[in-house]
């Protein structure tokens, strides 16, 4: 569901993550779209 929207959200969220961070990801399929960018 909403695959295009989730891809856009993940790309925007990736900008908040910096090298060296400890990042918690929940069990949402929206955040799953962030994984390939990490």
ModelCIF file with pLDDT and N, C-alpha, C, O atoms, coordinates in Angstrom:
data_MODEL
#
_entry.id   MODEL 
#
_entity.id                         1 
_entity.type                       polymer 
_entity.pdbx_number_of_molecules   1 
#
_entity_poly.entity_id                      1 
_entity_poly.type                           'polypeptide(L)' 
_entity_poly.nstd_linkage                   no 
_entity_poly.nstd_monomer                   no 
_entity_poly.pdbx_seq_one_letter_code       
;(UNK)(UNK)(UNK)(UNK)(UNK)(UNK)(UNK)(UNK)(UNK)(UNK)(UNK)(UNK)(UNK)(UNK)(UNK)(UNK)
(UNK)(UNK)(UNK)(UNK)(UNK)(UNK)(UNK)(UNK)(UNK)(UNK)(UNK)(UNK)(UNK)(UNK)(UNK)(UNK)
(UNK)(UNK)(UNK)(UNK)(UNK)(UNK)
;
_entity_poly.pdbx_seq_one_letter_code_can   XXXXXXXXXXXXXXXXXXXXXXXXXXXXXXXXXXXXXX 
_entity_poly.pdbx_strand_id                 A 
#
loop_
_entity_poly_seq.entity_id 
_entity_poly_seq.num 
_entity_poly_seq.mon_id 
_entity_poly_seq.hetero 
1 1  UNK n 
1 2  UNK n 
1 3  UNK n 
1 4  UNK n 
1 5  UNK n 
1 6  UNK n 
1 7  UNK n 
1 8  UNK n 
1 9  UNK n 
1 10 UNK n 
1 11 UNK n 
1 12 UNK n 
1 13 UNK n 
1 14 UNK n 
1 15 UNK n 
1 16 UNK n 
1 17 UNK n 
1 18 UNK n 
1 19 UNK n 
1 20 UNK n 
1 21 UNK n 
1 22 UNK n 
1 23 UNK n 
1 24 UNK n 
1 25 UNK n 
1 26 UNK n 
1 27 UNK n 
1 28 UNK n 
1 29 UNK n 
1 30 UNK n 
1 31 UNK n 
1 32 UNK n 
1 33 UNK n 
1 34 UNK n 
1 35 UNK n 
1 36 UNK n 
1 37 UNK n 
1 38 UNK n 
#
_struct_asym.id          A 
_struct_asym.entity_id   1 
#
loop_
_ma_qa_metric.id 
_ma_qa_metric.mode 
_ma_qa_metric.name 
_ma_qa_metric.software_group_id 
_ma_qa_metric.type 
1 global pLDDT . pLDDT 
2 local  pLDDT . pLDDT 
#
_ma_qa_metric_global.metric_id      1 
_ma_qa_metric_global.metric_value   91.71 
_ma_qa_metric_global.model_id       1 
_ma_qa_metric_global.ordinal_id     1 
#
loop_
_ma_qa_metric_local.label_asym_id 
_ma_qa_metric_local.label_comp_id 
_ma_qa_metric_local.label_seq_id 
_ma_qa_metric_local.metric_id 
_ma_qa_metric_local.metric_value 
_ma_qa_metric_local.model_id 
_ma_qa_metric_local.ordinal_id 
A UNK 1  2 53.00 1 1  
A UNK 2  2 60.00 1 2  
A UNK 3  2 75.00 1 3  
A UNK 4  2 82.00 1 4  
A UNK 5  2 87.00 1 5  
A UNK 6  2 90.00 1 6  
A UNK 7  2 91.00 1 7  
A UNK 8  2 95.00 1 8  
A UNK 9  2 96.00 1 9  
A UNK 10 2 95.00 1 10 
A UNK 11 2 95.00 1 11 
A UNK 12 2 97.00 1 12 
A UNK 13 2 97.00 1 13 
A UNK 14 2 96.00 1 14 
A UNK 15 2 97.00 1 15 
A UNK 16 2 98.00 1 16 
A UNK 17 2 97.00 1 17 
A UNK 18 2 97.00 1 18 
A UNK 19 2 97.00 1 19 
A UNK 20 2 97.00 1 20 
A UNK 21 2 98.00 1 21 
A UNK 22 2 98.00 1 22 
A UNK 23 2 98.00 1 23 
A UNK 24 2 98.00 1 24 
A UNK 25 2 98.00 1 25 
A UNK 26 2 96.00 1 26 
A UNK 27 2 93.00 1 27 
A UNK 28 2 90.00 1 28 
A UNK 29 2 87.00 1 29 
A UNK 30 2 89.00 1 30 
A UNK 31 2 92.00 1 31 
A UNK 32 2 91.00 1 32 
A UNK 33 2 91.00 1 33 
A UNK 34 2 95.00 1 34 
A UNK 35 2 95.00 1 35 
A UNK 36 2 93.00 1 36 
A UNK 37 2 95.00 1 37 
A UNK 38 2 96.00 1 38 
#
loop_
_atom_site.group_PDB 
_atom_site.id 
_atom_site.type_symbol 
_atom_site.label_atom_id 
_atom_site.label_alt_id 
_atom_site.label_comp_id 
_atom_site.label_asym_id 
_atom_site.label_entity_id 
_atom_site.label_seq_id 
_atom_site.pdbx_PDB_ins_code 
_atom_site.Cartn_x 
_atom_site.Cartn_y 
_atom_site.Cartn_z 
_atom_site.occupancy 
_atom_site.B_iso_or_equiv 
_atom_site.pdbx_formal_charge 
_atom_site.auth_seq_id 
_atom_site.auth_comp_id 
_atom_site.auth_asym_id 
_atom_site.auth_atom_id 
_atom_site.pdbx_PDB_model_num 
ATOM 1   N N  . UNK A 1 1  ? 0.825  -1.211 0.000  1.00 53.00 ? 1  UNK A N  1 
ATOM 2   C CA . UNK A 1 1  ? 0.000  0.000  0.000  1.00 53.00 ? 1  UNK A CA 1 
ATOM 3   C C  . UNK A 1 1  ? 0.858  1.259  0.000  1.00 53.00 ? 1  UNK A C  1 
ATOM 4   O O  . UNK A 1 1  ? 1.907  1.309  0.643  1.00 53.00 ? 1  UNK A O  1 
ATOM 5   N N  . UNK A 1 2  ? 0.394  2.293  -0.740 1.00 60.00 ? 2  UNK A N  1 
ATOM 6   C CA . UNK A 1 2  ? 1.035  3.614  -0.760 1.00 60.00 ? 2  UNK A CA 1 
ATOM 7   C C  . UNK A 1 2  ? 2.559  3.517  -0.957 1.00 60.00 ? 2  UNK A C  1 
ATOM 8   O O  . UNK A 1 2  ? 3.322  4.153  -0.230 1.00 60.00 ? 2  UNK A O  1 
ATOM 9   N N  . UNK A 1 3  ? 2.986  2.736  -1.921 1.00 75.00 ? 3  UNK A N  1 
ATOM 10  C CA . UNK A 1 3  ? 4.423  2.521  -2.097 1.00 75.00 ? 3  UNK A CA 1 
ATOM 11  C C  . UNK A 1 3  ? 5.151  3.799  -2.508 1.00 75.00 ? 3  UNK A C  1 
ATOM 12  O O  . UNK A 1 3  ? 6.252  4.065  -2.025 1.00 75.00 ? 3  UNK A O  1 
ATOM 13  N N  . UNK A 1 4  ? 4.548  4.589  -3.393 1.00 82.00 ? 4  UNK A N  1 
ATOM 14  C CA . UNK A 1 4  ? 5.181  5.837  -3.799 1.00 82.00 ? 4  UNK A CA 1 
ATOM 15  C C  . UNK A 1 4  ? 5.304  6.821  -2.656 1.00 82.00 ? 4  UNK A C  1 
ATOM 16  O O  . UNK A 1 4  ? 6.329  7.483  -2.494 1.00 82.00 ? 4  UNK A O  1 
ATOM 17  N N  . UNK A 1 5  ? 4.244  6.908  -1.862 1.00 87.00 ? 5  UNK A N  1 
ATOM 18  C CA . UNK A 1 5  ? 4.253  7.813  -0.716 1.00 87.00 ? 5  UNK A CA 1 
ATOM 19  C C  . UNK A 1 5  ? 5.298  7.383  0.313  1.00 87.00 ? 5  UNK A C  1 
ATOM 20  O O  . UNK A 1 5  ? 6.005  8.219  0.877  1.00 87.00 ? 5  UNK A O  1 
ATOM 21  N N  . UNK A 1 6  ? 5.390  6.070  0.553  1.00 90.00 ? 6  UNK A N  1 
ATOM 22  C CA . UNK A 1 6  ? 6.352  5.568  1.534  1.00 90.00 ? 6  UNK A CA 1 
ATOM 23  C C  . UNK A 1 6  ? 7.792  5.823  1.079  1.00 90.00 ? 6  UNK A C  1 
ATOM 24  O O  . UNK A 1 6  ? 8.657  6.132  1.898  1.00 90.00 ? 6  UNK A O  1 
ATOM 25  N N  . UNK A 1 7  ? 8.046  5.697  -0.214 1.00 91.00 ? 7  UNK A N  1 
ATOM 26  C CA . UNK A 1 7  ? 9.387  5.973  -0.737 1.00 91.00 ? 7  UNK A CA 1 
ATOM 27  C C  . UNK A 1 7  ? 9.758  7.435  -0.508 1.00 91.00 ? 7  UNK A C  1 
ATOM 28  O O  . UNK A 1 7  ? 10.890 7.745  -0.138 1.00 91.00 ? 7  UNK A O  1 
ATOM 29  N N  . UNK A 1 8  ? 8.792  8.333  -0.731 1.00 95.00 ? 8  UNK A N  1 
ATOM 30  C CA . UNK A 1 8  ? 9.040  9.760  -0.527 1.00 95.00 ? 8  UNK A CA 1 
ATOM 31  C C  . UNK A 1 8  ? 9.287  10.069 0.950  1.00 95.00 ? 8  UNK A C  1 
ATOM 32  O O  . UNK A 1 8  ? 10.182 10.846 1.283  1.00 95.00 ? 8  UNK A O  1 
ATOM 33  N N  . UNK A 1 9  ? 8.500  9.466  1.825  1.00 96.00 ? 9  UNK A N  1 
ATOM 34  C CA . UNK A 1 9  ? 8.673  9.683  3.262  1.00 96.00 ? 9  UNK A CA 1 
ATOM 35  C C  . UNK A 1 9  ? 10.031 9.185  3.737  1.00 96.00 ? 9  UNK A C  1 
ATOM 36  O O  . UNK A 1 9  ? 10.696 9.840  4.540  1.00 96.00 ? 9  UNK A O  1 
ATOM 37  N N  . UNK A 1 10 ? 10.439 8.022  3.235  1.00 95.00 ? 10 UNK A N  1 
ATOM 38  C CA . UNK A 1 10 ? 11.730 7.460  3.637  1.00 95.00 ? 10 UNK A CA 1 
ATOM 39  C C  . UNK A 1 10 ? 12.878 8.349  3.187  1.00 95.00 ? 10 UNK A C  1 
ATOM 40  O O  . UNK A 1 10 ? 13.830 8.558  3.939  1.00 95.00 ? 10 UNK A O  1 
ATOM 41  N N  . UNK A 1 11 ? 12.799 8.868  1.985  1.00 95.00 ? 11 UNK A N  1 
ATOM 42  C CA . UNK A 1 11 ? 13.872 9.744  1.501  1.00 95.00 ? 11 UNK A CA 1 
ATOM 43  C C  . UNK A 1 11 ? 13.984 11.000 2.361  1.00 95.00 ? 11 UNK A C  1 
ATOM 44  O O  . UNK A 1 11 ? 15.086 11.450 2.675  1.00 95.00 ? 11 UNK A O  1 
ATOM 45  N N  . UNK A 1 12 ? 12.834 11.562 2.738  1.00 97.00 ? 12 UNK A N  1 
ATOM 46  C CA . UNK A 1 12 ? 12.856 12.755 3.598  1.00 97.00 ? 12 UNK A CA 1 
ATOM 47  C C  . UNK A 1 12 ? 13.382 12.416 4.987  1.00 97.00 ? 12 UNK A C  1 
ATOM 48  O O  . UNK A 1 12 ? 14.111 13.209 5.583  1.00 97.00 ? 12 UNK A O  1 
ATOM 49  N N  . UNK A 1 13 ? 13.021 11.249 5.507  1.00 97.00 ? 13 UNK A N  1 
ATOM 50  C CA . UNK A 1 13 ? 13.490 10.848 6.833  1.00 97.00 ? 13 UNK A CA 1 
ATOM 51  C C  . UNK A 1 13 ? 14.983 10.599 6.858  1.00 97.00 ? 13 UNK A C  1 
ATOM 52  O O  . UNK A 1 13 ? 15.637 10.829 7.875  1.00 97.00 ? 13 UNK A O  1 
ATOM 53  N N  . UNK A 1 14 ? 15.531 10.127 5.740  1.00 96.00 ? 14 UNK A N  1 
ATOM 54  C CA . UNK A 1 14 ? 16.955 9.803  5.681  1.00 96.00 ? 14 UNK A CA 1 
ATOM 55  C C  . UNK A 1 14 ? 17.817 11.038 5.951  1.00 96.00 ? 14 UNK A C  1 
ATOM 56  O O  . UNK A 1 14 ? 18.933 10.922 6.456  1.00 96.00 ? 14 UNK A O  1 
ATOM 57  N N  . UNK A 1 15 ? 17.299 12.213 5.615  1.00 97.00 ? 15 UNK A N  1 
ATOM 58  C CA . UNK A 1 15 ? 18.046 13.448 5.820  1.00 97.00 ? 15 UNK A CA 1 
ATOM 59  C C  . UNK A 1 15 ? 18.275 13.739 7.303  1.00 97.00 ? 15 UNK A C  1 
ATOM 60  O O  . UNK A 1 15 ? 19.155 14.527 7.648  1.00 97.00 ? 15 UNK A O  1 
ATOM 61  N N  . UNK A 1 16 ? 17.495 13.114 8.182  1.00 98.00 ? 16 UNK A N  1 
ATOM 62  C CA . UNK A 1 16 ? 17.634 13.320 9.620  1.00 98.00 ? 16 UNK A CA 1 
ATOM 63  C C  . UNK A 1 16 ? 18.689 12.410 10.254 1.00 98.00 ? 16 UNK A C  1 
ATOM 64  O O  . UNK A 1 16 ? 19.047 12.587 11.418 1.00 98.00 ? 16 UNK A O  1 
ATOM 65  N N  . UNK A 1 17 ? 19.174 11.455 9.503  1.00 97.00 ? 17 UNK A N  1 
ATOM 66  C CA . UNK A 1 17 ? 20.123 10.476 10.040 1.00 97.00 ? 17 UNK A CA 1 
ATOM 67  C C  . UNK A 1 17 ? 21.543 10.844 9.628  1.00 97.00 ? 17 UNK A C  1 
ATOM 68  O O  . UNK A 1 17 ? 21.798 11.155 8.465  1.00 97.00 ? 17 UNK A O  1 
ATOM 69  N N  . UNK A 1 18 ? 22.465 10.807 10.588 1.00 97.00 ? 18 UNK A N  1 
ATOM 70  C CA . UNK A 1 18 ? 23.860 11.152 10.337 1.00 97.00 ? 18 UNK A CA 1 
ATOM 71  C C  . UNK A 1 18 ? 24.756 9.957  10.646 1.00 97.00 ? 18 UNK A C  1 
ATOM 72  O O  . UNK A 1 18 ? 24.413 9.128  11.488 1.00 97.00 ? 18 UNK A O  1 
ATOM 73  N N  . UNK A 1 19 ? 25.913 9.860  9.966  1.00 97.00 ? 19 UNK A N  1 
ATOM 74  C CA . UNK A 1 19 ? 26.867 8.796  10.291 1.00 97.00 ? 19 UNK A CA 1 
ATOM 75  C C  . UNK A 1 19 ? 27.208 8.805  11.778 1.00 97.00 ? 19 UNK A C  1 
ATOM 76  O O  . UNK A 1 19 ? 27.418 9.863  12.373 1.00 97.00 ? 19 UNK A O  1 
ATOM 77  N N  . UNK A 1 20 ? 27.259 7.629  12.362 1.00 97.00 ? 20 UNK A N  1 
ATOM 78  C CA . UNK A 1 20 ? 27.548 7.499  13.790 1.00 97.00 ? 20 UNK A CA 1 
ATOM 79  C C  . UNK A 1 20 ? 26.313 7.437  14.663 1.00 97.00 ? 20 UNK A C  1 
ATOM 80  O O  . UNK A 1 20 ? 26.412 7.117  15.847 1.00 97.00 ? 20 UNK A O  1 
ATOM 81  N N  . UNK A 1 21 ? 25.155 7.734  14.104 1.00 98.00 ? 21 UNK A N  1 
ATOM 82  C CA . UNK A 1 21 ? 23.919 7.703  14.886 1.00 98.00 ? 21 UNK A CA 1 
ATOM 83  C C  . UNK A 1 21 ? 23.550 6.279  15.308 1.00 98.00 ? 21 UNK A C  1 
ATOM 84  O O  . UNK A 1 21 ? 23.861 5.305  14.621 1.00 98.00 ? 21 UNK A O  1 
ATOM 85  N N  . UNK A 1 22 ? 22.880 6.190  16.453 1.00 98.00 ? 22 UNK A N  1 
ATOM 86  C CA . UNK A 1 22 ? 22.141 4.987  16.838 1.00 98.00 ? 22 UNK A CA 1 
ATOM 87  C C  . UNK A 1 22 ? 20.678 5.267  16.498 1.00 98.00 ? 22 UNK A C  1 
ATOM 88  O O  . UNK A 1 22 ? 20.090 6.227  16.998 1.00 98.00 ? 22 UNK A O  1 
ATOM 89  N N  . UNK A 1 23 ? 20.095 4.423  15.645 1.00 98.00 ? 23 UNK A N  1 
ATOM 90  C CA . UNK A 1 23 ? 18.771 4.671  15.087 1.00 98.00 ? 23 UNK A CA 1 
ATOM 91  C C  . UNK A 1 23 ? 17.821 3.547  15.476 1.00 98.00 ? 23 UNK A C  1 
ATOM 92  O O  . UNK A 1 23 ? 18.128 2.374  15.265 1.00 98.00 ? 23 UNK A O  1 
ATOM 93  N N  . UNK A 1 24 ? 16.681 3.895  16.037 1.00 98.00 ? 24 UNK A N  1 
ATOM 94  C CA . UNK A 1 24 ? 15.627 2.910  16.296 1.00 98.00 ? 24 UNK A CA 1 
ATOM 95  C C  . UNK A 1 24 ? 14.631 2.965  15.143 1.00 98.00 ? 24 UNK A C  1 
ATOM 96  O O  . UNK A 1 24 ? 14.146 4.036  14.777 1.00 98.00 ? 24 UNK A O  1 
ATOM 97  N N  . UNK A 1 25 ? 14.332 1.795  14.573 1.00 98.00 ? 25 UNK A N  1 
ATOM 98  C CA . UNK A 1 25 ? 13.300 1.676  13.544 1.00 98.00 ? 25 UNK A CA 1 
ATOM 99  C C  . UNK A 1 25 ? 12.180 0.792  14.077 1.00 98.00 ? 25 UNK A C  1 
ATOM 100 O O  . UNK A 1 25 ? 12.442 -0.301 14.579 1.00 98.00 ? 25 UNK A O  1 
ATOM 101 N N  . UNK A 1 26 ? 10.948 1.248  13.975 1.00 96.00 ? 26 UNK A N  1 
ATOM 102 C CA . UNK A 1 26 ? 9.829  0.446  14.463 1.00 96.00 ? 26 UNK A CA 1 
ATOM 103 C C  . UNK A 1 26 ? 9.442  -0.603 13.417 1.00 96.00 ? 26 UNK A C  1 
ATOM 104 O O  . UNK A 1 26 ? 10.162 -0.812 12.441 1.00 96.00 ? 26 UNK A O  1 
ATOM 105 N N  . UNK A 1 27 ? 8.302  -1.257 13.630 1.00 93.00 ? 27 UNK A N  1 
ATOM 106 C CA . UNK A 1 27 ? 7.899  -2.350 12.749 1.00 93.00 ? 27 UNK A CA 1 
ATOM 107 C C  . UNK A 1 27 ? 6.920  -1.904 11.671 1.00 93.00 ? 27 UNK A C  1 
ATOM 108 O O  . UNK A 1 27 ? 6.083  -2.692 11.230 1.00 93.00 ? 27 UNK A O  1 
ATOM 109 N N  . UNK A 1 28 ? 7.015  -0.657 11.245 1.00 90.00 ? 28 UNK A N  1 
ATOM 110 C CA . UNK A 1 28 ? 6.132  -0.165 10.192 1.00 90.00 ? 28 UNK A CA 1 
ATOM 111 C C  . UNK A 1 28 ? 6.750  -0.417 8.820  1.00 90.00 ? 28 UNK A C  1 
ATOM 112 O O  . UNK A 1 28 ? 7.968  -0.349 8.653  1.00 90.00 ? 28 UNK A O  1 
ATOM 113 N N  . UNK A 1 29 ? 5.901  -0.706 7.850  1.00 87.00 ? 29 UNK A N  1 
ATOM 114 C CA . UNK A 1 29 ? 6.402  -0.897 6.489  1.00 87.00 ? 29 UNK A CA 1 
ATOM 115 C C  . UNK A 1 29 ? 6.832  0.426  5.876  1.00 87.00 ? 29 UNK A C  1 
ATOM 116 O O  . UNK A 1 29 ? 7.540  0.438  4.870  1.00 87.00 ? 29 UNK A O  1 
ATOM 117 N N  . UNK A 1 30 ? 6.415  1.538  6.466  1.00 89.00 ? 30 UNK A N  1 
ATOM 118 C CA . UNK A 1 30 ? 6.891  2.840  5.989  1.00 89.00 ? 30 UNK A CA 1 
ATOM 119 C C  . UNK A 1 30 ? 8.373  3.000  6.287  1.00 89.00 ? 30 UNK A C  1 
ATOM 120 O O  . UNK A 1 30 ? 9.139  3.401  5.411  1.00 89.00 ? 30 UNK A O  1 
ATOM 121 N N  . UNK A 1 31 ? 8.786  2.694  7.505  1.00 92.00 ? 31 UNK A N  1 
ATOM 122 C CA . UNK A 1 31 ? 10.203 2.814  7.836  1.00 92.00 ? 31 UNK A CA 1 
ATOM 123 C C  . UNK A 1 31 ? 11.036 1.748  7.122  1.00 92.00 ? 31 UNK A C  1 
ATOM 124 O O  . UNK A 1 31 ? 12.238 1.931  6.926  1.00 92.00 ? 31 UNK A O  1 
ATOM 125 N N  . UNK A 1 32 ? 10.411 0.646  6.735  1.00 91.00 ? 32 UNK A N  1 
ATOM 126 C CA . UNK A 1 32 ? 11.140 -0.389 5.994  1.00 91.00 ? 32 UNK A CA 1 
ATOM 127 C C  . UNK A 1 32 ? 11.719 0.170  4.698  1.00 91.00 ? 32 UNK A C  1 
ATOM 128 O O  . UNK A 1 32 ? 12.763 -0.288 4.234  1.00 91.00 ? 32 UNK A O  1 
ATOM 129 N N  . UNK A 1 33 ? 11.045 1.158  4.115  1.00 91.00 ? 33 UNK A N  1 
ATOM 130 C CA . UNK A 1 33 ? 11.540 1.783  2.888  1.00 91.00 ? 33 UNK A CA 1 
ATOM 131 C C  . UNK A 1 33 ? 12.828 2.565  3.109  1.00 91.00 ? 33 UNK A C  1 
ATOM 132 O O  . UNK A 1 33 ? 13.532 2.887  2.153  1.00 91.00 ? 33 UNK A O  1 
ATOM 133 N N  . UNK A 1 34 ? 13.134 2.869  4.353  1.00 95.00 ? 34 UNK A N  1 
ATOM 134 C CA . UNK A 1 34 ? 14.348 3.607  4.693  1.00 95.00 ? 34 UNK A CA 1 
ATOM 135 C C  . UNK A 1 34 ? 15.591 2.712  4.678  1.00 95.00 ? 34 UNK A C  1 
ATOM 136 O O  . UNK A 1 34 ? 16.708 3.197  4.496  1.00 95.00 ? 34 UNK A O  1 
ATOM 137 N N  . UNK A 1 35 ? 15.394 1.421  4.869  1.00 95.00 ? 35 UNK A N  1 
ATOM 138 C CA . UNK A 1 35 ? 16.513 0.497  5.058  1.00 95.00 ? 35 UNK A CA 1 
ATOM 139 C C  . UNK A 1 35 ? 17.516 0.508  3.903  1.00 95.00 ? 35 UNK A C  1 
ATOM 140 O O  . UNK A 1 35 ? 18.718 0.548  4.166  1.00 95.00 ? 35 UNK A O  1 
ATOM 141 N N  . UNK A 1 36 ? 17.084 0.476  2.631  1.00 93.00 ? 36 UNK A N  1 
ATOM 142 C CA . UNK A 1 36 ? 18.073 0.469  1.544  1.00 93.00 ? 36 UNK A CA 1 
ATOM 143 C C  . UNK A 1 36 ? 18.941 1.725  1.492  1.00 93.00 ? 36 UNK A C  1 
ATOM 144 O O  . UNK A 1 36 ? 19.997 1.712  0.860  1.00 93.00 ? 36 UNK A O  1 
ATOM 145 N N  . UNK A 1 37 ? 18.523 2.792  2.134  1.00 95.00 ? 37 UNK A N  1 
ATOM 146 C CA . UNK A 1 37 ? 19.268 4.046  2.111  1.00 95.00 ? 37 UNK A CA 1 
ATOM 147 C C  . UNK A 1 37 ? 20.301 4.146  3.222  1.00 95.00 ? 37 UNK A C  1 
ATOM 148 O O  . UNK A 1 37 ? 21.144 5.043  3.205  1.00 95.00 ? 37 UNK A O  1 
ATOM 149 N N  . UNK A 1 38 ? 20.246 3.238  4.185  1.00 96.00 ? 38 UNK A N  1 
ATOM 150 C CA . UNK A 1 38 ? 21.077 3.377  5.376  1.00 96.00 ? 38 UNK A CA 1 
ATOM 151 C C  . UNK A 1 38 ? 22.556 3.140  5.102  1.00 96.00 ? 38 UNK A C  1 
ATOM 152 O O  . UNK A 1 38 ? 23.375 3.224  6.018  1.00 96.00 ? 38 UNK A O  1 
#
